[in-house]
């Protein structure tokens, strides 16, 4: 990579970093702590690059490619520091799968294709959970979905309702941070591979300026309506592909994952010079 290309990529990444830096500062993470933590990410990226090139992952090669000092390479790749401080967690996995099946299977939809209100016990919510997994009690799944705020329970009637046609928990920074990291990681990964010319992922957006705050609000409403339509269509296809592959494809071939998303953003326009 020549210096002009490196400068161009660095400039682009720094623009992406601005909202991330604001998030870090807002939550008390200053530059020194971030820079120290970033070493392990540069090392992981260097390891992946060397692996894809079929090259040996020596300390010298990792240090040269990542710019991380060899002393830090040794400590981060061999010591306890090489282990993540917080193990990756997937607390939303089972609850999200239950919500997805609820929005997809005809048995759980009304005449207009919307998720039905289900009785708490079989053949309602309990049956739905059992179709996804029999390793976790339906009551535990219900408690988690209640905590996340994606379902409501009428204790008198014993009825469970799915609150929205989507799965975007808003209860607590912990849950939202997992969603934030997963979504931004995959968006950045798709855009990065496209920029490097290695893939051709869908990664598009619509931009408009010189509009009023009222028009921004109307656009936001239109975007959310478009998302609901796209969500239902893509979710149905995703569930169909998942069920088909589970029946017909051997385990070793089911080694891919995919994510589809959408975003909307607005801000005050900088005055013209």
C-alpha atoms as a PDB file:
ATOM      1  CA  UNK A   1       0.000   0.000   0.000  1.00  0.00           C
ATOM      2  CA  UNK A   2       1.556   3.328  -1.040  1.00  0.00           C
ATOM      3  CA  UNK A   3       1.616   6.380   1.228  1.00  0.00           C
ATOM      4  CA  UNK A   4      -1.222   8.169  -0.567  1.00  0.00           C
ATOM      5  CA  UNK A   5      -3.503   5.148  -0.244  1.00  0.00           C
ATOM      6  CA  UNK A   6      -2.546   4.707   3.412  1.00  0.00           C
ATOM      7  CA  UNK A   7      -3.284   8.384   4.099  1.00  0.00           C
ATOM      8  CA  UNK A   8      -6.645   8.136   2.344  1.00  0.00           C
ATOM      9  CA  UNK A   9      -7.653   5.052   4.343  1.00  0.00           C
ATOM     10  CA  UNK A  10      -6.454   6.610   7.611  1.00  0.00           C
ATOM     11  CA  UNK A  11      -8.449   9.771   6.933  1.00  0.00           C
ATOM     12  CA  UNK A  12     -11.565   7.694   6.240  1.00  0.00           C
ATOM     13  CA  UNK A  13     -11.153   5.632   9.406  1.00  0.00           C
ATOM     14  CA  UNK A  14     -10.601   8.745  11.524  1.00  0.00           C
ATOM     15  CA  UNK A  15     -13.898  10.142  10.285  1.00  0.00           C
ATOM     16  CA  UNK A  16     -15.584   6.919  11.368  1.00  0.00           C
ATOM     17  CA  UNK A  17     -13.820   7.183  14.744  1.00  0.00           C
ATOM     18  CA  UNK A  18     -15.307  10.556  15.721  1.00  0.00           C
ATOM     19  CA  UNK A  19     -18.664   9.239  17.028  1.00  0.00           C
ATOM     20  CA  UNK A  20     -16.858   6.271  18.605  1.00  0.00           C
ATOM     21  CA  UNK A  21     -14.462   8.635  20.414  1.00  0.00           C
ATOM     22  CA  UNK A  22     -17.413  10.652  21.687  1.00  0.00           C
ATOM     23  CA  UNK A  23     -19.047   7.474  23.003  1.00  0.00           C
ATOM     24  CA  UNK A  24     -15.827   6.469  24.785  1.00  0.00           C
ATOM     25  CA  UNK A  25     -15.350   9.900  26.347  1.00  0.00           C
ATOM     26  CA  UNK A  26     -18.995  10.057  27.413  1.00  0.00           C
ATOM     27  CA  UNK A  27     -18.477   6.839  29.391  1.00  0.00           C
ATOM     28  CA  UNK A  28     -15.116   7.719  30.906  1.00  0.00           C
ATOM     29  CA  UNK A  29     -12.731   5.912  28.551  1.00  0.00           C
ATOM     30  CA  UNK A  30      -9.898   8.317  27.691  1.00  0.00           C
ATOM     31  CA  UNK A  31      -7.319   7.951  24.924  1.00  0.00           C
ATOM     32  CA  UNK A  32      -4.557   6.135  26.927  1.00  0.00           C
ATOM     33  CA  UNK A  33      -6.904   3.308  27.961  1.00  0.00           C
ATOM     34  CA  UNK A  34      -8.300   3.015  24.441  1.00  0.00           C
ATOM     35  CA  UNK A  35      -4.842   3.038  22.846  1.00  0.00           C
ATOM     36  CA  UNK A  36      -3.669   0.273  25.179  1.00  0.00           C
ATOM     37  CA  UNK A  37      -6.752  -1.854  24.488  1.00  0.00           C
ATOM     38  CA  UNK A  38      -6.386  -1.249  20.753  1.00  0.00           C
ATOM     39  CA  UNK A  39      -3.075  -3.119  20.649  1.00  0.00           C
ATOM     40  CA  UNK A  40      -4.838  -6.475  20.919  1.00  0.00           C
ATOM     41  CA  UNK A  41      -7.146  -5.549  18.028  1.00  0.00           C
ATOM     42  CA  UNK A  42      -4.211  -4.601  15.786  1.00  0.00           C
ATOM     43  CA  UNK A  43      -2.545  -7.878  16.715  1.00  0.00           C
ATOM     44  CA  UNK A  44      -5.692  -9.865  15.940  1.00  0.00           C
ATOM     45  CA  UNK A  45      -5.977  -8.110  12.559  1.00  0.00           C
ATOM     46  CA  UNK A  46      -2.299  -8.807  11.826  1.00  0.00           C
ATOM     47  CA  UNK A  47      -2.738 -12.477  12.748  1.00  0.00           C
ATOM     48  CA  UNK A  48      -5.687 -12.769  10.381  1.00  0.00           C
ATOM     49  CA  UNK A  49      -3.755 -11.035   7.582  1.00  0.00           C
ATOM     50  CA  UNK A  50      -0.760 -13.349   7.977  1.00  0.00           C
ATOM     51  CA  UNK A  51      -3.034 -16.389   8.163  1.00  0.00           C
ATOM     52  CA  UNK A  52      -4.775 -15.415   4.918  1.00  0.00           C
ATOM     53  CA  UNK A  53      -1.392 -14.872   3.257  1.00  0.00           C
ATOM     54  CA  UNK A  54      -0.186 -18.286   4.431  1.00  0.00           C
ATOM     55  CA  UNK A  55       2.703 -16.701   6.355  1.00  0.00           C
ATOM     56  CA  UNK A  56       4.172 -17.640   9.734  1.00  0.00           C
ATOM     57  CA  UNK A  57       2.840 -15.646  12.680  1.00  0.00           C
ATOM     58  CA  UNK A  58       6.181 -14.859  14.296  1.00  0.00           C
ATOM     59  CA  UNK A  59       6.639 -12.078  16.833  1.00  0.00           C
ATOM     60  CA  UNK A  60       8.686 -10.142  14.288  1.00  0.00           C
ATOM     61  CA  UNK A  61       6.069 -10.470  11.563  1.00  0.00           C
ATOM     62  CA  UNK A  62       3.256  -9.471  13.906  1.00  0.00           C
ATOM     63  CA  UNK A  63       5.229  -6.495  15.230  1.00  0.00           C
ATOM     64  CA  UNK A  64       6.193  -5.323  11.753  1.00  0.00           C
ATOM     65  CA  UNK A  65       2.677  -5.583  10.357  1.00  0.00           C
ATOM     66  CA  UNK A  66       0.786  -4.175  13.347  1.00  0.00           C
ATOM     67  CA  UNK A  67       3.311  -1.665  14.669  1.00  0.00           C
ATOM     68  CA  UNK A  68       2.907  -3.112  18.171  1.00  0.00           C
ATOM     69  CA  UNK A  69       6.224  -3.416  20.053  1.00  0.00           C
ATOM     70  CA  UNK A  70       7.603  -6.957  20.241  1.00  0.00           C
ATOM     71  CA  UNK A  71       7.488  -6.857  24.031  1.00  0.00           C
ATOM     72  CA  UNK A  72       3.744  -6.215  23.877  1.00  0.00           C
ATOM     73  CA  UNK A  73       3.339  -8.854  21.167  1.00  0.00           C
ATOM     74  CA  UNK A  74       4.842 -11.442  23.494  1.00  0.00           C
ATOM     75  CA  UNK A  75       2.738 -10.452  26.495  1.00  0.00           C
ATOM     76  CA  UNK A  76      -0.502 -10.149  24.538  1.00  0.00           C
ATOM     77  CA  UNK A  77      -0.143 -13.391  22.581  1.00  0.00           C
ATOM     78  CA  UNK A  78       1.276 -15.579  25.366  1.00  0.00           C
ATOM     79  CA  UNK A  79       0.199 -14.141  28.689  1.00  0.00           C
ATOM     80  CA  UNK A  80      -3.093 -13.768  30.467  1.00  0.00           C
ATOM     81  CA  UNK A  81      -3.607 -10.485  28.643  1.00  0.00           C
ATOM     82  CA  UNK A  82      -4.256 -12.427  25.466  1.00  0.00           C
ATOM     83  CA  UNK A  83      -7.523 -13.617  26.979  1.00  0.00           C
ATOM     84  CA  UNK A  84     -10.433 -11.199  26.600  1.00  0.00           C
ATOM     85  CA  UNK A  85     -11.333  -9.320  29.764  1.00  0.00           C
ATOM     86  CA  UNK A  86     -14.986 -10.138  29.179  1.00  0.00           C
ATOM     87  CA  UNK A  87     -15.951 -13.358  27.477  1.00  0.00           C
ATOM     88  CA  UNK A  88     -18.195 -12.913  24.442  1.00  0.00           C
ATOM     89  CA  UNK A  89     -21.804 -13.384  25.421  1.00  0.00           C
ATOM     90  CA  UNK A  90     -24.904 -13.991  23.351  1.00  0.00           C
ATOM     91  CA  UNK A  91     -27.740 -13.198  25.774  1.00  0.00           C
ATOM     92  CA  UNK A  92     -30.059 -12.177  22.977  1.00  0.00           C
ATOM     93  CA  UNK A  93     -29.693 -15.295  20.852  1.00  0.00           C
ATOM     94  CA  UNK A  94     -32.512 -17.529  22.071  1.00  0.00           C
ATOM     95  CA  UNK A  95     -34.940 -14.684  22.736  1.00  0.00           C
ATOM     96  CA  UNK A  96     -34.278 -13.278  19.250  1.00  0.00           C
ATOM     97  CA  UNK A  97     -34.905 -16.687  17.678  1.00  0.00           C
ATOM     98  CA  UNK A  98     -38.197 -17.016  19.528  1.00  0.00           C
ATOM     99  CA  UNK A  99     -39.263 -13.541  18.359  1.00  0.00           C
ATOM    100  CA  UNK A 100     -38.226 -14.346  14.784  1.00  0.00           C
ATOM    101  CA  UNK A 101     -40.273 -17.564  14.664  1.00  0.00           C
ATOM    102  CA  UNK A 102     -43.203 -15.750  16.252  1.00  0.00           C
ATOM    103  CA  UNK A 103     -43.132 -13.215  13.401  1.00  0.00           C
ATOM    104  CA  UNK A 104     -42.646 -15.838  10.674  1.00  0.00           C
ATOM    105  CA  UNK A 105     -44.648 -19.008  11.309  1.00  0.00           C
ATOM    106  CA  UNK A 106     -48.249 -18.932  10.075  1.00  0.00           C
ATOM    107  CA  UNK A 107     -49.391 -20.700  13.256  1.00  0.00           C
ATOM    108  CA  UNK A 108     -48.419 -17.636  15.291  1.00  0.00           C
ATOM    109  CA  UNK A 109     -49.778 -14.949  12.920  1.00  0.00           C
ATOM    110  CA  UNK A 110     -53.246 -13.450  12.603  1.00  0.00           C
ATOM    111  CA  UNK A 111     -55.203 -12.982   9.366  1.00  0.00           C
ATOM    112  CA  UNK A 112     -53.264  -9.792   8.601  1.00  0.00           C
ATOM    113  CA  UNK A 113     -49.892 -11.446   9.112  1.00  0.00           C
ATOM    114  CA  UNK A 114     -49.168  -9.848  12.480  1.00  0.00           C
ATOM    115  CA  UNK A 115     -47.907 -11.788  15.538  1.00  0.00           C
ATOM    116  CA  UNK A 116     -50.844 -13.171  17.537  1.00  0.00           C
ATOM    117  CA  UNK A 117     -51.289 -12.780  21.263  1.00  0.00           C
ATOM    118  CA  UNK A 118     -50.415 -16.206  22.688  1.00  0.00           C
ATOM    119  CA  UNK A 119     -51.592 -18.029  25.779  1.00  0.00           C
ATOM    120  CA  UNK A 120     -48.798 -18.402  28.288  1.00  0.00           C
ATOM    121  CA  UNK A 121     -48.846 -22.235  28.378  1.00  0.00           C
ATOM    122  CA  UNK A 122     -48.951 -24.836  25.604  1.00  0.00           C
ATOM    123  CA  UNK A 123     -49.958 -24.818  22.882  1.00  0.00           C
ATOM    124  CA  UNK A 124     -49.046 -21.111  22.968  1.00  0.00           C
ATOM    125  CA  UNK A 125     -45.838 -19.444  24.122  1.00  0.00           C
ATOM    126  CA  UNK A 126     -44.415 -22.597  25.718  1.00  0.00           C
ATOM    127  CA  UNK A 127     -44.832 -24.516  22.459  1.00  0.00           C
ATOM    128  CA  UNK A 128     -43.188 -21.679  20.517  1.00  0.00           C
ATOM    129  CA  UNK A 129     -40.122 -21.774  22.775  1.00  0.00           C
ATOM    130  CA  UNK A 130     -39.934 -25.583  22.581  1.00  0.00           C
ATOM    131  CA  UNK A 131     -39.808 -25.373  18.779  1.00  0.00           C
ATOM    132  CA  UNK A 132     -36.674 -23.225  19.061  1.00  0.00           C
ATOM    133  CA  UNK A 133     -34.948 -25.013  21.951  1.00  0.00           C
ATOM    134  CA  UNK A 134     -35.816 -27.623  24.541  1.00  0.00           C
ATOM    135  CA  UNK A 135     -32.700 -26.882  26.594  1.00  0.00           C
ATOM    136  CA  UNK A 136     -34.155 -23.814  28.337  1.00  0.00           C
ATOM    137  CA  UNK A 137     -37.413 -23.625  30.250  1.00  0.00           C
ATOM    138  CA  UNK A 138     -40.077 -21.443  28.553  1.00  0.00           C
ATOM    139  CA  UNK A 139     -40.533 -19.524  31.816  1.00  0.00           C
ATOM    140  CA  UNK A 140     -36.867 -18.485  31.748  1.00  0.00           C
ATOM    141  CA  UNK A 141     -37.172 -17.299  28.140  1.00  0.00           C
ATOM    142  CA  UNK A 142     -40.335 -15.367  28.999  1.00  0.00           C
ATOM    143  CA  UNK A 143     -38.622 -13.709  31.961  1.00  0.00           C
ATOM    144  CA  UNK A 144     -35.716 -12.648  29.751  1.00  0.00           C
ATOM    145  CA  UNK A 145     -38.005 -11.259  27.030  1.00  0.00           C
ATOM    146  CA  UNK A 146     -39.994  -9.388  29.669  1.00  0.00           C
ATOM    147  CA  UNK A 147     -36.786  -7.947  31.083  1.00  0.00           C
ATOM    148  CA  UNK A 148     -35.692  -6.841  27.615  1.00  0.00           C
ATOM    149  CA  UNK A 149     -39.050  -5.226  27.028  1.00  0.00           C
ATOM    150  CA  UNK A 150     -39.906  -7.071  23.805  1.00  0.00           C
ATOM    151  CA  UNK A 151     -43.022  -8.830  25.171  1.00  0.00           C
ATOM    152  CA  UNK A 152     -45.769  -7.999  27.626  1.00  0.00           C
ATOM    153  CA  UNK A 153     -47.675 -10.381  29.888  1.00  0.00           C
ATOM    154  CA  UNK A 154     -51.266 -10.044  31.029  1.00  0.00           C
ATOM    155  CA  UNK A 155     -51.114 -11.964  34.341  1.00  0.00           C
ATOM    156  CA  UNK A 156     -54.885 -12.100  34.711  1.00  0.00           C
ATOM    157  CA  UNK A 157     -55.569 -13.584  31.284  1.00  0.00           C
ATOM    158  CA  UNK A 158     -52.265 -15.438  30.998  1.00  0.00           C
ATOM    159  CA  UNK A 159     -51.581 -13.907  27.553  1.00  0.00           C
ATOM    160  CA  UNK A 160     -48.212 -12.960  26.063  1.00  0.00           C
ATOM    161  CA  UNK A 161     -47.886 -10.254  23.382  1.00  0.00           C
ATOM    162  CA  UNK A 162     -44.925  -9.409  21.181  1.00  0.00           C
ATOM    163  CA  UNK A 163     -44.505  -5.648  21.499  1.00  0.00           C
ATOM    164  CA  UNK A 164     -43.004  -4.765  18.114  1.00  0.00           C
ATOM    165  CA  UNK A 165     -42.200  -6.258  14.735  1.00  0.00           C
ATOM    166  CA  UNK A 166     -38.519  -6.358  15.492  1.00  0.00           C
ATOM    167  CA  UNK A 167     -36.036  -7.257  18.141  1.00  0.00           C
ATOM    168  CA  UNK A 168     -34.297  -4.162  19.478  1.00  0.00           C
ATOM    169  CA  UNK A 169     -34.108  -4.318  23.278  1.00  0.00           C
ATOM    170  CA  UNK A 170     -33.976  -0.889  24.884  1.00  0.00           C
ATOM    171  CA  UNK A 171     -33.702  -1.869  28.531  1.00  0.00           C
ATOM    172  CA  UNK A 172     -30.238  -1.124  29.826  1.00  0.00           C
ATOM    173  CA  UNK A 173     -26.847  -0.157  28.460  1.00  0.00           C
ATOM    174  CA  UNK A 174     -25.605  -3.754  28.599  1.00  0.00           C
ATOM    175  CA  UNK A 175     -28.107  -5.136  26.100  1.00  0.00           C
ATOM    176  CA  UNK A 176     -27.886  -2.084  23.848  1.00  0.00           C
ATOM    177  CA  UNK A 177     -24.082  -2.246  23.811  1.00  0.00           C
ATOM    178  CA  UNK A 178     -24.156  -5.833  22.481  1.00  0.00           C
ATOM    179  CA  UNK A 179     -26.513  -4.802  19.681  1.00  0.00           C
ATOM    180  CA  UNK A 180     -24.408  -1.691  18.995  1.00  0.00           C
ATOM    181  CA  UNK A 181     -21.183  -3.693  18.712  1.00  0.00           C
ATOM    182  CA  UNK A 182     -22.655  -6.451  16.533  1.00  0.00           C
ATOM    183  CA  UNK A 183     -24.372  -4.066  14.118  1.00  0.00           C
ATOM    184  CA  UNK A 184     -21.459  -1.641  13.703  1.00  0.00           C
ATOM    185  CA  UNK A 185     -18.910  -4.450  13.439  1.00  0.00           C
ATOM    186  CA  UNK A 186     -20.702  -6.123  10.542  1.00  0.00           C
ATOM    187  CA  UNK A 187     -21.487  -2.819   8.803  1.00  0.00           C
ATOM    188  CA  UNK A 188     -17.827  -1.773   9.001  1.00  0.00           C
ATOM    189  CA  UNK A 189     -16.671  -5.234   7.901  1.00  0.00           C
ATOM    190  CA  UNK A 190     -18.925  -5.171   4.828  1.00  0.00           C
ATOM    191  CA  UNK A 191     -17.845  -1.647   3.855  1.00  0.00           C
ATOM    192  CA  UNK A 192     -14.168  -2.475   4.452  1.00  0.00           C
ATOM    193  CA  UNK A 193     -14.232  -5.579   2.252  1.00  0.00           C
ATOM    194  CA  UNK A 194     -15.994  -3.603  -0.469  1.00  0.00           C
ATOM    195  CA  UNK A 195     -13.359  -0.861  -0.249  1.00  0.00           C
ATOM    196  CA  UNK A 196     -10.580  -3.439  -0.549  1.00  0.00           C
ATOM    197  CA  UNK A 197     -12.289  -4.927  -3.601  1.00  0.00           C
ATOM    198  CA  UNK A 198     -12.607  -8.355  -1.972  1.00  0.00           C
ATOM    199  CA  UNK A 199     -16.414  -8.522  -1.859  1.00  0.00           C
ATOM    200  CA  UNK A 200     -19.466  -6.747  -3.235  1.00  0.00           C
ATOM    201  CA  UNK A 201     -21.805  -6.590  -0.246  1.00  0.00           C
ATOM    202  CA  UNK A 202     -24.975  -4.510  -0.232  1.00  0.00           C
ATOM    203  CA  UNK A 203     -23.946  -1.249   1.461  1.00  0.00           C
ATOM    204  CA  UNK A 204     -25.889   1.763   0.241  1.00  0.00           C
ATOM    205  CA  UNK A 205     -27.561   4.869   1.665  1.00  0.00           C
ATOM    206  CA  UNK A 206     -29.669   7.874   0.670  1.00  0.00           C
ATOM    207  CA  UNK A 207     -28.474  11.399   1.477  1.00  0.00           C
ATOM    208  CA  UNK A 208     -30.314  14.715   1.305  1.00  0.00           C
ATOM    209  CA  UNK A 209     -29.486  18.144   2.714  1.00  0.00           C
ATOM    210  CA  UNK A 210     -31.006  21.642   2.855  1.00  0.00           C
ATOM    211  CA  UNK A 211     -34.269  20.384   4.360  1.00  0.00           C
ATOM    212  CA  UNK A 212     -36.253  21.493   7.417  1.00  0.00           C
ATOM    213  CA  UNK A 213     -36.512  19.712  10.798  1.00  0.00           C
ATOM    214  CA  UNK A 214     -40.117  18.830   9.915  1.00  0.00           C
ATOM    215  CA  UNK A 215     -38.954  17.139   6.710  1.00  0.00           C
ATOM    216  CA  UNK A 216     -36.321  15.207   8.665  1.00  0.00           C
ATOM    217  CA  UNK A 217     -39.028  13.872  10.974  1.00  0.00           C
ATOM    218  CA  UNK A 218     -41.185  12.852   8.004  1.00  0.00           C
ATOM    219  CA  UNK A 219     -38.210  11.078   6.427  1.00  0.00           C
ATOM    220  CA  UNK A 220     -37.565   9.265   9.705  1.00  0.00           C
ATOM    221  CA  UNK A 221     -41.162   8.026   9.739  1.00  0.00           C
ATOM    222  CA  UNK A 222     -40.877   6.895   6.108  1.00  0.00           C
ATOM    223  CA  UNK A 223     -37.604   5.090   6.881  1.00  0.00           C
ATOM    224  CA  UNK A 224     -39.147   3.199   9.807  1.00  0.00           C
ATOM    225  CA  UNK A 225     -42.110   2.161   7.661  1.00  0.00           C
ATOM    226  CA  UNK A 226     -39.755   0.946   4.927  1.00  0.00           C
ATOM    227  CA  UNK A 227     -37.754  -1.002   7.506  1.00  0.00           C
ATOM    228  CA  UNK A 228     -40.822  -2.826   8.783  1.00  0.00           C
ATOM    229  CA  UNK A 229     -41.611  -4.001   5.254  1.00  0.00           C
ATOM    230  CA  UNK A 230     -38.015  -5.020   4.554  1.00  0.00           C
ATOM    231  CA  UNK A 231     -37.678  -6.647   7.973  1.00  0.00           C
ATOM    232  CA  UNK A 232     -40.689  -8.898   7.449  1.00  0.00           C
ATOM    233  CA  UNK A 233     -39.582  -9.944   3.961  1.00  0.00           C
ATOM    234  CA  UNK A 234     -35.943 -10.645   4.821  1.00  0.00           C
ATOM    235  CA  UNK A 235     -36.786 -12.252   8.168  1.00  0.00           C
ATOM    236  CA  UNK A 236     -39.188 -14.664   6.483  1.00  0.00           C
ATOM    237  CA  UNK A 237     -36.511 -15.633   3.962  1.00  0.00           C
ATOM    238  CA  UNK A 238     -33.915 -15.968   6.731  1.00  0.00           C
ATOM    239  CA  UNK A 239     -36.182 -18.281   8.734  1.00  0.00           C
ATOM    240  CA  UNK A 240     -36.937 -20.321   5.614  1.00  0.00           C
ATOM    241  CA  UNK A 241     -33.243 -20.692   4.780  1.00  0.00           C
ATOM    242  CA  UNK A 242     -32.432 -21.618   8.406  1.00  0.00           C
ATOM    243  CA  UNK A 243     -35.136 -24.290   8.578  1.00  0.00           C
ATOM    244  CA  UNK A 244     -34.275 -25.691   5.126  1.00  0.00           C
ATOM    245  CA  UNK A 245     -30.557 -25.924   5.880  1.00  0.00           C
ATOM    246  CA  UNK A 246     -31.260 -27.509   9.265  1.00  0.00           C
ATOM    247  CA  UNK A 247     -33.210 -30.261   7.495  1.00  0.00           C
ATOM    248  CA  UNK A 248     -31.127 -30.767   4.369  1.00  0.00           C
ATOM    249  CA  UNK A 249     -27.546 -29.562   4.802  1.00  0.00           C
ATOM    250  CA  UNK A 250     -24.859 -31.407   6.804  1.00  0.00           C
ATOM    251  CA  UNK A 251     -23.504 -29.632   9.864  1.00  0.00           C
ATOM    252  CA  UNK A 252     -20.090 -28.951   8.316  1.00  0.00           C
ATOM    253  CA  UNK A 253     -21.720 -26.960   5.502  1.00  0.00           C
ATOM    254  CA  UNK A 254     -23.744 -24.756   7.865  1.00  0.00           C
ATOM    255  CA  UNK A 255     -20.754 -22.533   8.620  1.00  0.00           C
ATOM    256  CA  UNK A 256     -21.974 -19.101   7.500  1.00  0.00           C
ATOM    257  CA  UNK A 257     -23.751 -16.199   9.212  1.00  0.00           C
ATOM    258  CA  UNK A 258     -25.380 -13.086   7.758  1.00  0.00           C
ATOM    259  CA  UNK A 259     -26.835  -9.802   9.003  1.00  0.00           C
ATOM    260  CA  UNK A 260     -29.184  -7.343   7.286  1.00  0.00           C
ATOM    261  CA  UNK A 261     -29.820  -3.912   8.746  1.00  0.00           C
ATOM    262  CA  UNK A 262     -30.750  -0.301   8.101  1.00  0.00           C
ATOM    263  CA  UNK A 263     -29.994   3.017   9.786  1.00  0.00           C
ATOM    264  CA  UNK A 264     -31.225   6.608   9.820  1.00  0.00           C
ATOM    265  CA  UNK A 265     -29.245   9.636  11.010  1.00  0.00           C
ATOM    266  CA  UNK A 266     -29.712  13.401  10.956  1.00  0.00           C
ATOM    267  CA  UNK A 267     -27.895  16.416  12.365  1.00  0.00           C
ATOM    268  CA  UNK A 268     -27.692  20.174  11.989  1.00  0.00           C
ATOM    269  CA  UNK A 269     -26.156  21.103   8.675  1.00  0.00           C
ATOM    270  CA  UNK A 270     -22.952  23.147   8.873  1.00  0.00           C
ATOM    271  CA  UNK A 271     -23.481  26.691   7.588  1.00  0.00           C
ATOM    272  CA  UNK A 272     -22.195  27.457   4.144  1.00  0.00           C
ATOM    273  CA  UNK A 273     -18.972  29.422   3.986  1.00  0.00           C
END
